[in-house]
Amino acid sequence: MKHKHADLIKAWADGAKIEARYQKASGWTEWAEETGGFYWYQGGAEYRIKPEPKPDYRKYFVYHSERPCIYPCTSNQIANIALYFDGETNQLKDAKVI
């Protein structure tokens, strides 16, 4: 019978980074050989290939001085504000007047 985690074990053997969580409410922890790693439990634990981090992104906006608001830039407008966001959390990281 094939081990429940056979595909992940093979991916790990080929160099993939593996994460584990032992209760659905807990967060994912990256497995590291130097910390003793984890065991491939067939029950009570979940494993996954560590997802690639989402890249940061930016959005352009137009500030109108007659109305103190910024608006998403449309194709016929020239942006004068750039907002930079964290790709993982979608939180604002930086803002620049351009």
N, C-alpha and C. Protein backbone atom coordinates (compact mmCIF):
# COMPACT_ATOMS: atom_id res chain seq x y z
N MET A 1 0.84 -1.18 0.00
CA MET A 1 0.00 0.00 0.00
C MET A 1 0.89 1.25 0.00
N LYS A 2 0.54 2.21 -0.81
CA LYS A 2 1.30 3.46 -0.94
C LYS A 2 1.15 4.30 0.34
N HIS A 3 2.26 4.85 0.82
CA HIS A 3 2.24 5.72 1.99
C HIS A 3 1.38 6.94 1.68
N LYS A 4 0.63 7.39 2.66
CA LYS A 4 -0.28 8.53 2.50
C LYS A 4 0.45 9.77 1.97
N HIS A 5 1.70 9.97 2.37
CA HIS A 5 2.45 11.16 2.00
C HIS A 5 3.55 10.86 0.98
N ALA A 6 3.41 9.78 0.25
CA ALA A 6 4.47 9.35 -0.68
C ALA A 6 4.87 10.45 -1.66
N ASP A 7 3.92 11.16 -2.24
CA ASP A 7 4.24 12.20 -3.22
C ASP A 7 5.02 13.35 -2.59
N LEU A 8 4.64 13.72 -1.37
CA LEU A 8 5.36 14.79 -0.68
C LEU A 8 6.75 14.33 -0.25
N ILE A 9 6.86 13.10 0.18
CA ILE A 9 8.17 12.56 0.56
C ILE A 9 9.10 12.57 -0.65
N LYS A 10 8.58 12.20 -1.81
CA LYS A 10 9.38 12.23 -3.03
C LYS A 10 9.77 13.65 -3.40
N ALA A 11 8.83 14.59 -3.28
CA ALA A 11 9.13 15.99 -3.58
C ALA A 11 10.21 16.52 -2.64
N TRP A 12 10.11 16.18 -1.35
CA TRP A 12 11.13 16.58 -0.38
C TRP A 12 12.49 15.99 -0.75
N ALA A 13 12.53 14.72 -1.14
CA ALA A 13 13.77 14.06 -1.52
C ALA A 13 14.39 14.73 -2.75
N ASP A 14 13.55 15.35 -3.59
CA ASP A 14 14.03 16.05 -4.78
C ASP A 14 14.35 17.51 -4.51
N GLY A 15 14.25 17.94 -3.24
CA GLY A 15 14.67 19.30 -2.88
C GLY A 15 13.57 20.28 -2.53
N ALA A 16 12.31 19.87 -2.58
CA ALA A 16 11.22 20.78 -2.23
C ALA A 16 11.24 21.09 -0.73
N LYS A 17 10.86 22.30 -0.38
CA LYS A 17 10.72 22.67 1.03
C LYS A 17 9.33 22.23 1.48
N ILE A 18 9.28 21.58 2.63
CA ILE A 18 8.04 21.01 3.15
C ILE A 18 7.65 21.73 4.43
N GLU A 19 6.34 21.97 4.58
CA GLU A 19 5.80 22.54 5.81
C GLU A 19 4.84 21.53 6.43
N ALA A 20 4.70 21.64 7.75
CA ALA A 20 3.79 20.75 8.48
C ALA A 20 2.96 21.54 9.46
N ARG A 21 1.80 21.02 9.77
CA ARG A 21 1.01 21.53 10.89
C ARG A 21 0.34 20.33 11.53
N TYR A 22 0.30 20.37 12.86
CA TYR A 22 -0.15 19.20 13.60
C TYR A 22 -1.57 19.32 14.11
N GLN A 23 -2.12 20.50 14.04
CA GLN A 23 -3.52 20.71 14.35
C GLN A 23 -4.02 21.73 13.36
N LYS A 24 -5.22 21.58 12.90
CA LYS A 24 -5.71 22.49 11.87
C LYS A 24 -5.67 23.94 12.32
N ALA A 25 -5.76 24.18 13.63
CA ALA A 25 -5.75 25.55 14.13
C ALA A 25 -4.34 26.14 14.20
N SER A 26 -3.33 25.31 14.17
CA SER A 26 -1.97 25.84 14.27
C SER A 26 -1.47 26.28 12.90
N GLY A 27 -0.40 27.08 12.91
CA GLY A 27 0.17 27.55 11.66
C GLY A 27 1.11 26.53 11.05
N TRP A 28 1.50 26.79 9.81
CA TRP A 28 2.43 25.92 9.10
C TRP A 28 3.84 26.22 9.56
N THR A 29 4.66 25.17 9.74
CA THR A 29 6.05 25.28 10.16
C THR A 29 6.91 24.59 9.11
N GLU A 30 7.97 25.31 8.68
CA GLU A 30 8.85 24.71 7.69
C GLU A 30 9.73 23.65 8.34
N TRP A 31 9.84 22.52 7.69
CA TRP A 31 10.68 21.44 8.17
C TRP A 31 12.12 21.79 7.88
N ALA A 32 12.97 21.55 8.88
CA ALA A 32 14.40 21.80 8.70
C ALA A 32 15.17 20.65 9.34
N GLU A 33 16.07 20.07 8.59
CA GLU A 33 16.84 18.93 9.09
C GLU A 33 17.62 19.28 10.35
N GLU A 34 18.16 20.51 10.41
CA GLU A 34 18.99 20.87 11.56
C GLU A 34 18.19 20.98 12.86
N THR A 35 16.87 21.08 12.77
CA THR A 35 16.06 21.13 14.00
C THR A 35 15.44 19.78 14.31
N GLY A 36 15.86 18.76 13.63
CA GLY A 36 15.33 17.43 13.89
C GLY A 36 14.21 17.04 12.97
N GLY A 37 13.68 18.02 12.23
CA GLY A 37 12.66 17.71 11.24
C GLY A 37 11.35 17.24 11.85
N PHE A 38 10.61 16.56 11.07
CA PHE A 38 9.35 15.98 11.54
C PHE A 38 9.24 14.57 11.00
N TYR A 39 8.29 13.87 11.51
CA TYR A 39 8.04 12.51 11.07
C TYR A 39 6.85 12.54 10.13
N TRP A 40 6.80 11.64 9.22
CA TRP A 40 5.71 11.59 8.25
C TRP A 40 4.54 10.83 8.87
N TYR A 41 3.86 11.49 9.82
CA TYR A 41 2.70 10.86 10.45
C TYR A 41 1.59 10.68 9.43
N GLN A 42 0.92 9.56 9.50
CA GLN A 42 -0.17 9.33 8.56
C GLN A 42 -1.52 9.80 9.10
N GLY A 43 -1.56 10.17 10.35
CA GLY A 43 -2.80 10.70 10.92
C GLY A 43 -2.47 11.85 11.85
N GLY A 44 -3.34 12.83 11.92
CA GLY A 44 -3.18 13.94 12.85
C GLY A 44 -2.23 15.04 12.41
N ALA A 45 -1.60 14.92 11.27
CA ALA A 45 -0.70 15.95 10.78
C ALA A 45 -0.97 16.17 9.30
N GLU A 46 -0.72 17.40 8.88
CA GLU A 46 -0.84 17.74 7.46
C GLU A 46 0.52 18.21 6.97
N TYR A 47 0.81 17.96 5.73
CA TYR A 47 2.06 18.38 5.11
C TYR A 47 1.75 19.01 3.76
N ARG A 48 2.60 19.93 3.35
CA ARG A 48 2.46 20.53 2.03
C ARG A 48 3.81 21.03 1.55
N ILE A 49 3.91 21.22 0.25
CA ILE A 49 5.09 21.88 -0.30
C ILE A 49 4.93 23.36 0.04
N LYS A 50 6.00 23.95 0.54
CA LYS A 50 5.96 25.36 0.94
C LYS A 50 5.61 26.21 -0.28
N PRO A 51 4.54 27.02 -0.17
CA PRO A 51 4.16 27.84 -1.31
C PRO A 51 5.18 28.94 -1.59
N GLU A 52 5.31 29.30 -2.85
CA GLU A 52 6.18 30.41 -3.22
C GLU A 52 5.57 31.70 -2.68
N PRO A 53 6.39 32.61 -2.15
CA PRO A 53 5.83 33.87 -1.66
C PRO A 53 5.24 34.69 -2.81
N LYS A 54 4.16 35.35 -2.52
CA LYS A 54 3.54 36.21 -3.52
C LYS A 54 4.36 37.50 -3.64
N PRO A 55 4.63 37.94 -4.85
CA PRO A 55 5.46 39.15 -5.01
C PRO A 55 4.70 40.41 -4.60
N ASP A 56 5.46 41.40 -4.15
CA ASP A 56 4.87 42.70 -3.85
C ASP A 56 4.34 43.29 -5.16
N TYR A 57 3.42 44.22 -5.05
CA TYR A 57 2.85 44.84 -6.25
C TYR A 57 2.58 46.31 -5.98
N ARG A 58 2.35 47.05 -7.06
CA ARG A 58 2.03 48.47 -6.93
C ARG A 58 0.80 48.79 -7.76
N LYS A 59 0.13 49.85 -7.33
CA LYS A 59 -1.03 50.37 -8.05
C LYS A 59 -0.86 51.87 -8.19
N TYR A 60 -1.33 52.36 -9.31
CA TYR A 60 -1.20 53.79 -9.59
C TYR A 60 -2.53 54.50 -9.38
N PHE A 61 -2.43 55.74 -8.89
CA PHE A 61 -3.60 56.54 -8.59
C PHE A 61 -3.39 57.97 -9.04
N VAL A 62 -4.52 58.71 -9.11
CA VAL A 62 -4.50 60.12 -9.44
C VAL A 62 -5.07 60.88 -8.26
N TYR A 63 -4.35 61.91 -7.83
CA TYR A 63 -4.83 62.79 -6.76
C TYR A 63 -5.40 64.05 -7.40
N HIS A 64 -6.63 64.40 -7.03
CA HIS A 64 -7.26 65.63 -7.52
C HIS A 64 -7.27 66.64 -6.38
N SER A 65 -6.62 67.79 -6.60
CA SER A 65 -6.51 68.79 -5.54
C SER A 65 -7.85 69.44 -5.21
N GLU A 66 -8.76 69.51 -6.17
CA GLU A 66 -10.06 70.13 -5.88
C GLU A 66 -10.94 69.26 -4.99
N ARG A 67 -10.69 67.96 -5.01
CA ARG A 67 -11.36 67.03 -4.09
C ARG A 67 -10.27 66.20 -3.45
N PRO A 68 -10.08 66.31 -2.14
CA PRO A 68 -8.94 65.63 -1.51
C PRO A 68 -9.12 64.12 -1.44
N CYS A 69 -9.07 63.49 -2.60
CA CYS A 69 -9.20 62.04 -2.70
C CYS A 69 -8.25 61.54 -3.77
N ILE A 70 -7.93 60.27 -3.67
CA ILE A 70 -7.19 59.65 -4.76
C ILE A 70 -8.12 58.67 -5.47
N TYR A 71 -7.91 58.52 -6.76
CA TYR A 71 -8.75 57.66 -7.57
C TYR A 71 -7.87 56.71 -8.36
N PRO A 72 -8.35 55.51 -8.60
CA PRO A 72 -7.58 54.59 -9.45
C PRO A 72 -7.35 55.25 -10.81
N CYS A 73 -6.18 55.08 -11.32
CA CYS A 73 -5.80 55.68 -12.59
C CYS A 73 -6.45 54.93 -13.74
N THR A 74 -7.08 55.68 -14.66
CA THR A 74 -7.63 55.07 -15.86
C THR A 74 -6.65 55.27 -17.01
N SER A 75 -6.93 54.67 -18.13
CA SER A 75 -5.99 54.69 -19.25
C SER A 75 -5.73 56.08 -19.82
N ASN A 76 -6.64 57.01 -19.62
CA ASN A 76 -6.43 58.35 -20.18
C ASN A 76 -5.93 59.36 -19.15
N GLN A 77 -5.53 58.90 -18.00
CA GLN A 77 -5.03 59.79 -16.94
C GLN A 77 -3.56 59.50 -16.68
N ILE A 78 -2.89 60.52 -16.19
CA ILE A 78 -1.49 60.35 -15.81
C ILE A 78 -1.44 60.20 -14.29
N ALA A 79 -0.91 59.10 -13.84
CA ALA A 79 -0.84 58.83 -12.40
C ALA A 79 0.13 59.80 -11.74
N ASN A 80 -0.19 60.20 -10.51
CA ASN A 80 0.74 61.02 -9.75
C ASN A 80 1.03 60.44 -8.37
N ILE A 81 0.48 59.28 -8.09
CA ILE A 81 0.75 58.57 -6.83
C ILE A 81 0.93 57.09 -7.14
N ALA A 82 1.92 56.48 -6.53
CA ALA A 82 2.12 55.04 -6.63
C ALA A 82 2.06 54.46 -5.22
N LEU A 83 1.25 53.43 -5.03
CA LEU A 83 1.14 52.75 -3.74
C LEU A 83 1.73 51.35 -3.89
N TYR A 84 2.56 50.97 -2.94
CA TYR A 84 3.24 49.67 -2.97
C TYR A 84 2.69 48.79 -1.87
N PHE A 85 2.32 47.55 -2.23
CA PHE A 85 1.67 46.64 -1.30
C PHE A 85 2.47 45.36 -1.12
N ASP A 86 2.38 44.79 0.08
CA ASP A 86 2.98 43.50 0.37
C ASP A 86 2.16 42.42 -0.32
N GLY A 87 2.80 41.57 -1.10
CA GLY A 87 2.10 40.55 -1.84
C GLY A 87 1.45 39.48 -0.98
N GLU A 88 1.99 39.24 0.20
CA GLU A 88 1.44 38.22 1.10
C GLU A 88 0.25 38.74 1.91
N THR A 89 0.38 39.95 2.44
CA THR A 89 -0.64 40.47 3.36
C THR A 89 -1.55 41.51 2.72
N ASN A 90 -1.18 42.01 1.55
CA ASN A 90 -1.89 43.09 0.86
C ASN A 90 -1.89 44.39 1.66
N GLN A 91 -0.98 44.50 2.61
CA GLN A 91 -0.87 45.72 3.40
C GLN A 91 0.00 46.74 2.67
N LEU A 92 -0.35 48.00 2.83
CA LEU A 92 0.41 49.09 2.22
C LEU A 92 1.80 49.14 2.83
N LYS A 93 2.82 49.15 1.96
CA LYS A 93 4.21 49.20 2.43
C LYS A 93 4.83 50.56 2.20
N ASP A 94 4.42 51.25 1.13
CA ASP A 94 5.07 52.49 0.78
C ASP A 94 4.14 53.28 -0.14
N ALA A 95 4.34 54.57 -0.19
CA ALA A 95 3.60 55.44 -1.10
C ALA A 95 4.58 56.48 -1.63
N LYS A 96 4.46 56.77 -2.92
CA LYS A 96 5.35 57.76 -3.54
C LYS A 96 4.57 58.67 -4.44
N VAL A 97 4.92 59.96 -4.38
CA VAL A 97 4.39 60.93 -5.31
C VAL A 97 5.29 60.88 -6.54
N ILE A 98 4.68 60.72 -7.70
CA ILE A 98 5.48 60.61 -8.93
C ILE A 98 5.17 61.75 -9.89
